[in-house]
Amino acid sequence: MALIIKRPSAASLSEKGAGCPKDNIEGRIHSTEIGGAVDGPGVRFVLFLAGCALRCQYCHNPDSWSLKNGRLTTASQIKDEIASYAHFLKRAGGGLTLSGGEPLVQPEFTKTILKAAKALGLHTAIDTSGFLGAQADDDLLADTDLVLLDIKAFSEKRYKEITGVNLQPTLSFARRLAAIKKPIWLRYVLVPGLTDNYNEIANLADFAATLGNVERVDVLPFHKMGEYKWKSLGLSYQLEKTQPPSEAQLAKVRQIFQDNGLKLS
């Protein structure tokens, strides 16, 4: 029998450490990747944080949903690890990307790591769904050079079907980023039979074009590389029979964004 997926509240997901010295604030991480080349410009140190409020049908890291599954560490330890790669990252035109899970589940930990990376002279990015954008305060965004914003769908009904949460917080966050002219790389995962409604995609493209701060759009093909994790966790994987999109489908979606004056990756 498949496990029932329970979605924790934002408050229960957020870290408890407001009274701790910043260097000693604790956080939980899922994993790290050195040499990432798709999560921002150049070569990246990618830190995957634990915890996520969404339950996306095509998630390839369901083991990152719970904070309990993350490795407990401190901001100081992570800062030291990033510092050991800082010279290489700068020479490679890269920097630090905080991903997940969802980095805004742990906003104070995220903010501390971003500030440390900026002190090292690194370019910074966060990869987020935007659902918890209200937890990103002005100081956190000030130390963020780029937001990789994943918008899963562009109708409330479809978005909730895919993620289990509402779309509106993500759109509000996008508008907030536009108001402060914070660069966005928009990410859209094309899943046949789920996110391939061309009218909805056209509406998303129109919305993105009105923001004025979307530097590029990444149309990403659905894959099932994380399917084994669902099964190992006893979760029901609803997309078992879904195949990746064809090149023709990808080209059509990319053209929709291009027709709205948006740059593609």
C-alpha atoms as a PDB file:
ATOM      1  CA  MET A   1       0.000   0.000   0.000  1.00  0.00           C
ATOM      2  CA  ALA A   2       1.354   3.424  -0.924  1.00  0.00           C
ATOM      3  CA  LEU A   3       2.099   5.915   1.805  1.00  0.00           C
ATOM      4  CA  ILE A   4      -0.220   8.885   2.192  1.00  0.00           C
ATOM      5  CA  ILE A   5       1.746  12.003   1.337  1.00  0.00           C
ATOM      6  CA  LYS A   6       1.247  14.647   3.999  1.00  0.00           C
ATOM      7  CA  ARG A   7       2.261  18.196   3.254  1.00  0.00           C
ATOM      8  CA  PRO A   8       3.760  20.014   6.263  1.00  0.00           C
ATOM      9  CA  SER A   9       2.979  23.646   6.900  1.00  0.00           C
ATOM     10  CA  ALA A  10       5.548  26.315   6.081  1.00  0.00           C
ATOM     11  CA  ALA A  11       5.867  27.090   9.791  1.00  0.00           C
ATOM     12  CA  SER A  12       6.655  23.479  10.712  1.00  0.00           C
ATOM     13  CA  LEU A  13       9.234  23.235   7.937  1.00  0.00           C
ATOM     14  CA  SER A  14      11.172  26.393   8.818  1.00  0.00           C
ATOM     15  CA  GLU A  15      14.291  26.003  10.931  1.00  0.00           C
ATOM     16  CA  LYS A  16      14.318  26.928  14.596  1.00  0.00           C
ATOM     17  CA  GLY A  17      17.407  28.976  15.282  1.00  0.00           C
ATOM     18  CA  ALA A  18      16.494  32.627  15.454  1.00  0.00           C
ATOM     19  CA  GLY A  19      18.484  33.079  18.649  1.00  0.00           C
ATOM     20  CA  CYS A  20      21.661  31.359  17.415  1.00  0.00           C
ATOM     21  CA  PRO A  21      24.785  33.199  16.267  1.00  0.00           C
ATOM     22  CA  LYS A  22      24.694  33.300  12.494  1.00  0.00           C
ATOM     23  CA  ASP A  23      27.805  31.153  12.007  1.00  0.00           C
ATOM     24  CA  ASN A  24      26.368  28.490  14.295  1.00  0.00           C
ATOM     25  CA  ILE A  25      22.863  28.412  12.867  1.00  0.00           C
ATOM     26  CA  GLU A  26      21.964  24.853  11.984  1.00  0.00           C
ATOM     27  CA  GLY A  27      20.429  23.629   8.771  1.00  0.00           C
ATOM     28  CA  ARG A  28      19.666  20.362   7.077  1.00  0.00           C
ATOM     29  CA  ILE A  29      21.053  19.530   3.661  1.00  0.00           C
ATOM     30  CA  HIS A  30      20.176  16.787   1.217  1.00  0.00           C
ATOM     31  CA  SER A  31      23.404  16.724  -0.826  1.00  0.00           C
ATOM     32  CA  THR A  32      25.997  18.815  -2.650  1.00  0.00           C
ATOM     33  CA  GLU A  33      27.233  18.909  -6.225  1.00  0.00           C
ATOM     34  CA  ILE A  34      30.541  20.403  -7.286  1.00  0.00           C
ATOM     35  CA  GLY A  35      30.766  21.385 -10.933  1.00  0.00           C
ATOM     36  CA  GLY A  36      27.090  21.888 -11.733  1.00  0.00           C
ATOM     37  CA  ALA A  37      26.681  23.562 -15.118  1.00  0.00           C
ATOM     38  CA  VAL A  38      22.908  24.037 -15.445  1.00  0.00           C
ATOM     39  CA  ASP A  39      21.961  25.822 -12.210  1.00  0.00           C
ATOM     40  CA  GLY A  40      23.186  29.294 -13.064  1.00  0.00           C
ATOM     41  CA  PRO A  41      26.048  30.812 -15.047  1.00  0.00           C
ATOM     42  CA  GLY A  42      29.405  29.085 -15.183  1.00  0.00           C
ATOM     43  CA  VAL A  43      30.448  26.191 -12.969  1.00  0.00           C
ATOM     44  CA  ARG A  44      28.484  25.993  -9.723  1.00  0.00           C
ATOM     45  CA  PHE A  45      28.711  24.678  -6.201  1.00  0.00           C
ATOM     46  CA  VAL A  46      25.129  23.429  -5.781  1.00  0.00           C
ATOM     47  CA  LEU A  47      23.847  22.937  -2.262  1.00  0.00           C
ATOM     48  CA  PHE A  48      20.618  20.927  -2.092  1.00  0.00           C
ATOM     49  CA  LEU A  49      18.714  21.751   1.072  1.00  0.00           C
ATOM     50  CA  ALA A  50      16.206  19.437   2.726  1.00  0.00           C
ATOM     51  CA  GLY A  51      12.540  20.262   3.123  1.00  0.00           C
ATOM     52  CA  CYS A  52       9.817  21.127   0.620  1.00  0.00           C
ATOM     53  CA  ALA A  53       6.157  22.130   0.881  1.00  0.00           C
ATOM     54  CA  LEU A  54       5.309  20.911  -2.636  1.00  0.00           C
ATOM     55  CA  ARG A  55       4.620  17.329  -3.663  1.00  0.00           C
ATOM     56  CA  CYS A  56       5.241  17.529  -7.403  1.00  0.00           C
ATOM     57  CA  GLN A  57       4.166  14.461  -9.355  1.00  0.00           C
ATOM     58  CA  TYR A  58       7.421  14.444 -11.311  1.00  0.00           C
ATOM     59  CA  CYS A  59       9.791  15.270  -8.436  1.00  0.00           C
ATOM     60  CA  HIS A  60      13.095  13.431  -8.804  1.00  0.00           C
ATOM     61  CA  ASN A  61      14.151  14.033  -5.176  1.00  0.00           C
ATOM     62  CA  PRO A  62      11.173  12.967  -3.021  1.00  0.00           C
ATOM     63  CA  ASP A  63      13.732  11.977  -0.397  1.00  0.00           C
ATOM     64  CA  SER A  64      14.385  15.702   0.059  1.00  0.00           C
ATOM     65  CA  TRP A  65      10.810  16.564   1.097  1.00  0.00           C
ATOM     66  CA  SER A  66      11.300  16.024   4.820  1.00  0.00           C
ATOM     67  CA  LEU A  67      13.745  17.991   6.936  1.00  0.00           C
ATOM     68  CA  LYS A  68      14.272  14.836   8.974  1.00  0.00           C
ATOM     69  CA  ASN A  69      15.913  13.162   5.980  1.00  0.00           C
ATOM     70  CA  GLY A  70      18.528  15.910   5.711  1.00  0.00           C
ATOM     71  CA  ARG A  71      22.005  15.882   7.205  1.00  0.00           C
ATOM     72  CA  LEU A  72      22.305  18.316  10.090  1.00  0.00           C
ATOM     73  CA  THR A  73      25.126  20.814   9.667  1.00  0.00           C
ATOM     74  CA  THR A  74      26.002  24.408  10.542  1.00  0.00           C
ATOM     75  CA  ALA A  75      26.378  27.491   8.416  1.00  0.00           C
ATOM     76  CA  SER A  76      30.024  27.670   9.479  1.00  0.00           C
ATOM     77  CA  GLN A  77      30.754  24.190   8.142  1.00  0.00           C
ATOM     78  CA  ILE A  78      29.089  24.937   4.827  1.00  0.00           C
ATOM     79  CA  LYS A  79      30.868  28.284   4.526  1.00  0.00           C
ATOM     80  CA  ASP A  80      34.223  26.558   4.993  1.00  0.00           C
ATOM     81  CA  GLU A  81      33.380  24.002   2.310  1.00  0.00           C
ATOM     82  CA  ILE A  82      32.323  26.682  -0.173  1.00  0.00           C
ATOM     83  CA  ALA A  83      35.438  28.723   0.617  1.00  0.00           C
ATOM     84  CA  SER A  84      37.654  25.783  -0.362  1.00  0.00           C
ATOM     85  CA  TYR A  85      36.228  25.982  -3.902  1.00  0.00           C
ATOM     86  CA  ALA A  86      35.827  29.747  -4.170  1.00  0.00           C
ATOM     87  CA  HIS A  87      38.953  30.428  -6.250  1.00  0.00           C
ATOM     88  CA  PHE A  88      38.055  27.701  -8.755  1.00  0.00           C
ATOM     89  CA  LEU A  89      34.428  28.829  -8.979  1.00  0.00           C
ATOM     90  CA  LYS A  90      35.401  32.438  -9.684  1.00  0.00           C
ATOM     91  CA  ARG A  91      37.881  31.420 -12.368  1.00  0.00           C
ATOM     92  CA  ALA A  92      35.154  29.270 -13.959  1.00  0.00           C
ATOM     93  CA  GLY A  93      32.707  32.178 -14.021  1.00  0.00           C
ATOM     94  CA  GLY A  94      30.412  30.368 -11.629  1.00  0.00           C
ATOM     95  CA  GLY A  95      29.307  30.568  -8.036  1.00  0.00           C
ATOM     96  CA  LEU A  96      26.894  29.101  -5.517  1.00  0.00           C
ATOM     97  CA  THR A  97      23.353  27.850  -6.134  1.00  0.00           C
ATOM     98  CA  LEU A  98      21.029  26.859  -3.300  1.00  0.00           C
ATOM     99  CA  SER A  99      18.499  24.288  -4.451  1.00  0.00           C
ATOM    100  CA  GLY A 100      16.531  21.499  -2.839  1.00  0.00           C
ATOM    101  CA  GLY A 101      14.100  20.458  -1.788  1.00  0.00           C
ATOM    102  CA  GLU A 102      13.304  24.121  -1.373  1.00  0.00           C
ATOM    103  CA  PRO A 103      15.865  26.569   0.069  1.00  0.00           C
ATOM    104  CA  LEU A 104      13.159  28.906   1.379  1.00  0.00           C
ATOM    105  CA  VAL A 105      11.995  26.230   3.818  1.00  0.00           C
ATOM    106  CA  GLN A 106      15.128  27.222   5.775  1.00  0.00           C
ATOM    107  CA  PRO A 107      15.265  30.991   5.141  1.00  0.00           C
ATOM    108  CA  GLU A 108      17.676  31.991   7.922  1.00  0.00           C
ATOM    109  CA  PHE A 109      20.137  29.242   7.055  1.00  0.00           C
ATOM    110  CA  THR A 110      19.802  30.125   3.368  1.00  0.00           C
ATOM    111  CA  LYS A 111      20.332  33.817   4.063  1.00  0.00           C
ATOM    112  CA  THR A 112      23.459  33.117   6.105  1.00  0.00           C
ATOM    113  CA  ILE A 113      24.994  30.944   3.381  1.00  0.00           C
ATOM    114  CA  LEU A 114      24.205  33.490   0.668  1.00  0.00           C
ATOM    115  CA  LYS A 115      25.802  36.289   2.669  1.00  0.00           C
ATOM    116  CA  ALA A 116      28.925  34.181   3.193  1.00  0.00           C
ATOM    117  CA  ALA A 117      29.142  33.421  -0.529  1.00  0.00           C
ATOM    118  CA  LYS A 118      28.885  37.120  -1.395  1.00  0.00           C
ATOM    119  CA  ALA A 119      31.673  37.852   1.102  1.00  0.00           C
ATOM    120  CA  LEU A 120      33.802  35.383  -0.869  1.00  0.00           C
ATOM    121  CA  GLY A 121      33.043  37.292  -4.068  1.00  0.00           C
ATOM    122  CA  LEU A 122      30.833  34.576  -5.547  1.00  0.00           C
ATOM    123  CA  HIS A 123      27.807  34.871  -7.781  1.00  0.00           C
ATOM    124  CA  THR A 124      24.738  33.522  -5.959  1.00  0.00           C
ATOM    125  CA  ALA A 125      21.485  31.914  -7.075  1.00  0.00           C
ATOM    126  CA  ILE A 126      18.500  30.224  -5.489  1.00  0.00           C
ATOM    127  CA  ASP A 127      16.438  27.558  -7.245  1.00  0.00           C
ATOM    128  CA  THR A 128      12.889  27.868  -5.930  1.00  0.00           C
ATOM    129  CA  SER A 129       9.248  27.197  -6.707  1.00  0.00           C
ATOM    130  CA  GLY A 130       8.447  30.619  -5.255  1.00  0.00           C
ATOM    131  CA  PHE A 131       5.642  29.167  -3.120  1.00  0.00           C
ATOM    132  CA  LEU A 132       7.466  30.292   0.043  1.00  0.00           C
ATOM    133  CA  GLY A 133       8.630  33.555  -1.487  1.00  0.00           C
ATOM    134  CA  ALA A 134       7.152  35.504   1.422  1.00  0.00           C
ATOM    135  CA  GLN A 135       9.824  33.902   3.636  1.00  0.00           C
ATOM    136  CA  ALA A 136      12.595  35.503   1.554  1.00  0.00           C
ATOM    137  CA  ASP A 137      13.160  38.845   3.257  1.00  0.00           C
ATOM    138  CA  ASP A 138      14.858  41.834   1.653  1.00  0.00           C
ATOM    139  CA  ASP A 139      18.268  40.920   3.097  1.00  0.00           C
ATOM    140  CA  LEU A 140      18.095  37.419   1.624  1.00  0.00           C
ATOM    141  CA  LEU A 141      17.198  38.778  -1.806  1.00  0.00           C
ATOM    142  CA  ALA A 142      19.902  41.448  -1.576  1.00  0.00           C
ATOM    143  CA  ASP A 143      22.500  38.663  -1.432  1.00  0.00           C
ATOM    144  CA  THR A 144      20.860  36.730  -4.275  1.00  0.00           C
ATOM    145  CA  ASP A 145      22.102  37.607  -7.768  1.00  0.00           C
ATOM    146  CA  LEU A 146      19.739  35.304  -9.668  1.00  0.00           C
ATOM    147  CA  VAL A 147      16.501  33.437  -9.024  1.00  0.00           C
ATOM    148  CA  LEU A 148      15.863  30.200 -10.891  1.00  0.00           C
ATOM    149  CA  LEU A 149      12.070  30.243 -10.687  1.00  0.00           C
ATOM    150  CA  ASP A 150      10.251  26.988 -11.378  1.00  0.00           C
ATOM    151  CA  ILE A 151       6.664  27.605 -12.480  1.00  0.00           C
ATOM    152  CA  LYS A 152       5.058  24.210 -12.855  1.00  0.00           C
ATOM    153  CA  ALA A 153       1.839  25.248 -14.619  1.00  0.00           C
ATOM    154  CA  PHE A 154      -0.208  28.377 -15.231  1.00  0.00           C
ATOM    155  CA  SER A 155      -3.706  27.569 -14.053  1.00  0.00           C
ATOM    156  CA  GLU A 156      -4.668  27.193 -10.409  1.00  0.00           C
ATOM    157  CA  LYS A 157      -6.373  23.864 -11.085  1.00  0.00           C
ATOM    158  CA  ARG A 158      -3.461  22.299 -12.960  1.00  0.00           C
ATOM    159  CA  TYR A 159      -0.854  23.727 -10.600  1.00  0.00           C
ATOM    160  CA  LYS A 160      -2.592  22.268  -7.556  1.00  0.00           C
ATOM    161  CA  GLU A 161      -3.019  18.935  -9.322  1.00  0.00           C
ATOM    162  CA  ILE A 162       0.721  18.782  -9.968  1.00  0.00           C
ATOM    163  CA  THR A 163       2.049  20.211  -6.692  1.00  0.00           C
ATOM    164  CA  GLY A 164      -0.705  20.048  -4.103  1.00  0.00           C
ATOM    165  CA  VAL A 165      -0.398  23.779  -3.353  1.00  0.00           C
ATOM    166  CA  ASN A 166      -1.721  27.026  -4.798  1.00  0.00           C
ATOM    167  CA  LEU A 167      -0.140  28.917  -7.691  1.00  0.00           C
ATOM    168  CA  GLN A 168      -0.819  32.470  -6.502  1.00  0.00           C
ATOM    169  CA  PRO A 169       2.107  32.731  -4.013  1.00  0.00           C
ATOM    170  CA  THR A 170       4.528  31.923  -6.835  1.00  0.00           C
ATOM    171  CA  LEU A 171       3.063  34.596  -9.100  1.00  0.00           C
ATOM    172  CA  SER A 172       3.188  37.132  -6.263  1.00  0.00           C
ATOM    173  CA  PHE A 173       6.845  36.300  -5.701  1.00  0.00           C
ATOM    174  CA  ALA A 174       7.571  36.682  -9.418  1.00  0.00           C
ATOM    175  CA  ARG A 175       5.981  40.138  -9.389  1.00  0.00           C
ATOM    176  CA  ARG A 176       7.986  41.091  -6.308  1.00  0.00           C
ATOM    177  CA  LEU A 177      11.206  40.057  -8.044  1.00  0.00           C
ATOM    178  CA  ALA A 178      10.177  42.108 -11.068  1.00  0.00           C
ATOM    179  CA  ALA A 179       9.547  45.168  -8.880  1.00  0.00           C
ATOM    180  CA  ILE A 180      13.124  45.043  -7.557  1.00  0.00           C
ATOM    181  CA  LYS A 181      14.534  44.055 -10.958  1.00  0.00           C
ATOM    182  CA  LYS A 182      15.994  40.807  -9.638  1.00  0.00           C
ATOM    183  CA  PRO A 183      17.019  38.613 -12.612  1.00  0.00           C
ATOM    184  CA  ILE A 184      14.987  35.449 -13.198  1.00  0.00           C
ATOM    185  CA  TRP A 185      15.722  32.342 -15.191  1.00  0.00           C
ATOM    186  CA  LEU A 186      12.290  30.801 -15.677  1.00  0.00           C
ATOM    187  CA  ARG A 187      12.129  27.017 -15.629  1.00  0.00           C
ATOM    188  CA  TYR A 188       9.313  24.973 -17.087  1.00  0.00           C
ATOM    189  CA  VAL A 189       9.214  21.177 -17.074  1.00  0.00           C
ATOM    190  CA  LEU A 190       7.336  19.733 -20.061  1.00  0.00           C
ATOM    191  CA  VAL A 191       5.448  16.592 -19.048  1.00  0.00           C
ATOM    192  CA  PRO A 192       3.312  14.990 -21.790  1.00  0.00           C
ATOM    193  CA  GLY A 193      -0.292  14.755 -20.689  1.00  0.00           C
ATOM    194  CA  LEU A 194       0.286  16.982 -17.671  1.00  0.00           C
ATOM    195  CA  THR A 195       2.004  20.275 -18.544  1.00  0.00           C
ATOM    196  CA  ASP A 196       1.640  20.272 -22.332  1.00  0.00           C
ATOM    197  CA  ASN A 197      -1.473  22.454 -22.632  1.00  0.00           C
ATOM    198  CA  TYR A 198      -0.263  24.962 -25.212  1.00  0.00           C
ATOM    199  CA  ASN A 199      -2.847  27.600 -24.298  1.00  0.00           C
ATOM    200  CA  GLU A 200      -1.705  27.559 -20.674  1.00  0.00           C
ATOM    201  CA  ILE A 201       1.923  27.707 -21.779  1.00  0.00           C
ATOM    202  CA  ALA A 202       1.126  30.715 -23.978  1.00  0.00           C
ATOM    203  CA  ASN A 203      -0.466  32.437 -20.975  1.00  0.00           C
ATOM    204  CA  LEU A 204       2.622  31.711 -18.898  1.00  0.00           C
ATOM    205  CA  ALA A 205       4.848  33.092 -21.639  1.00  0.00           C
ATOM    206  CA  ASP A 206       2.747  36.247 -21.798  1.00  0.00           C
ATOM    207  CA  PHE A 207       2.980  36.661 -18.014  1.00  0.00           C
ATOM    208  CA  ALA A 208       6.745  36.144 -18.058  1.00  0.00           C
ATOM    209  CA  ALA A 209       7.183  38.700 -20.840  1.00  0.00           C
ATOM    210  CA  THR A 210       5.336  41.348 -18.829  1.00  0.00           C
ATOM    211  CA  LEU A 211       7.700  40.998 -15.858  1.00  0.00           C
ATOM    212  CA  GLY A 212      10.676  42.562 -17.607  1.00  0.00           C
ATOM    213  CA  ASN A 213      13.296  40.688 -15.561  1.00  0.00           C
ATOM    214  CA  VAL A 214      13.174  37.211 -17.115  1.00  0.00           C
ATOM    215  CA  GLU A 215      16.619  36.828 -18.665  1.00  0.00           C
ATOM    216  CA  ARG A 216      15.975  33.411 -20.162  1.00  0.00           C
ATOM    217  CA  VAL A 217      13.630  30.452 -20.161  1.00  0.00           C
ATOM    218  CA  ASP A 218      14.700  26.837 -19.686  1.00  0.00           C
ATOM    219  CA  VAL A 219      12.201  24.345 -21.118  1.00  0.00           C
ATOM    220  CA  LEU A 220      13.169  21.096 -19.442  1.00  0.00           C
ATOM    221  CA  PRO A 221      12.065  17.667 -20.678  1.00  0.00           C
ATOM    222  CA  PHE A 222      10.387  15.380 -18.163  1.00  0.00           C
ATOM    223  CA  HIS A 223      12.456  12.388 -17.103  1.00  0.00           C
ATOM    224  CA  LYS A 224      11.970   9.475 -14.718  1.00  0.00           C
ATOM    225  CA  MET A 225      15.439   9.288 -13.193  1.00  0.00           C
ATOM    226  CA  GLY A 226      13.983   9.667  -9.702  1.00  0.00           C
ATOM    227  CA  GLU A 227      11.283   6.996 -10.082  1.00  0.00           C
ATOM    228  CA  TYR A 228      13.283   4.471  -8.074  1.00  0.00           C
ATOM    229  CA  LYS A 229      13.293   6.864  -5.101  1.00  0.00           C
ATOM    230  CA  TRP A 230       9.500   6.952  -5.034  1.00  0.00           C
ATOM    231  CA  LYS A 231       9.393   3.176  -4.953  1.00  0.00           C
ATOM    232  CA  SER A 232      12.082   2.941  -2.266  1.00  0.00           C
ATOM    233  CA  LEU A 233      10.037   5.333  -0.099  1.00  0.00           C
ATOM    234  CA  GLY A 234       6.838   3.350  -0.666  1.00  0.00           C
ATOM    235  CA  LEU A 235       5.231   6.204  -2.598  1.00  0.00           C
ATOM    236  CA  SER A 236       2.889   5.797  -5.558  1.00  0.00           C
ATOM    237  CA  TYR A 237       4.519   7.154  -8.732  1.00  0.00           C
ATOM    238  CA  GLN A 238       1.676   8.355 -10.945  1.00  0.00           C
ATOM    239  CA  LEU A 239       3.804   8.997 -14.039  1.00  0.00           C
ATOM    240  CA  GLU A 240       5.150   5.480 -14.439  1.00  0.00           C
ATOM    241  CA  LYS A 241       3.727   5.174 -17.967  1.00  0.00           C
ATOM    242  CA  THR A 242       4.501   8.742 -19.046  1.00  0.00           C
ATOM    243  CA  GLN A 243       7.242   9.084 -21.649  1.00  0.00           C
ATOM    244  CA  PRO A 244       9.600  12.058 -22.122  1.00  0.00           C
ATOM    245  CA  PRO A 245       8.426  14.691 -24.620  1.00  0.00           C
ATOM    246  CA  SER A 246       9.498  14.461 -28.223  1.00  0.00           C
ATOM    247  CA  GLU A 247      11.871  16.961 -29.787  1.00  0.00           C
ATOM    248  CA  ALA A 248       8.921  18.312 -31.772  1.00  0.00           C
ATOM    249  CA  GLN A 249       6.958  18.956 -28.575  1.00  0.00           C
ATOM    250  CA  LEU A 250       9.922  20.674 -26.950  1.00  0.00           C
ATOM    251  CA  ALA A 251      10.486  22.807 -30.034  1.00  0.00           C
ATOM    252  CA  LYS A 252       6.838  23.906 -30.098  1.00  0.00           C
ATOM    253  CA  VAL A 253       6.905  24.976 -26.446  1.00  0.00           C
ATOM    254  CA  ARG A 254      10.187  26.805 -26.889  1.00  0.00           C
ATOM    255  CA  GLN A 255       8.719  28.627 -29.874  1.00  0.00           C
ATOM    256  CA  ILE A 256       5.780  29.813 -27.756  1.00  0.00           C
ATOM    257  CA  PHE A 257       8.179  31.493 -25.338  1.00  0.00           C
ATOM    258  CA  GLN A 258      10.265  32.908 -28.185  1.00  0.00           C
ATOM    259  CA  ASP A 259       7.162  34.351 -29.827  1.00  0.00           C
ATOM    260  CA  ASN A 260       6.682  36.385 -26.655  1.00  0.00           C
ATOM    261  CA  GLY A 261      10.170  37.882 -27.008  1.00  0.00           C
ATOM    262  CA  LEU A 262      11.796  35.674 -24.379  1.00  0.00           C
ATOM    263  CA  LYS A 263      15.304  34.270 -24.705  1.00  0.00           C
ATOM    264  CA  LEU A 264      15.704  30.498 -24.563  1.00  0.00           C
ATOM    265  CA  SER A 265      18.632  28.625 -23.026  1.00  0.00           C
END
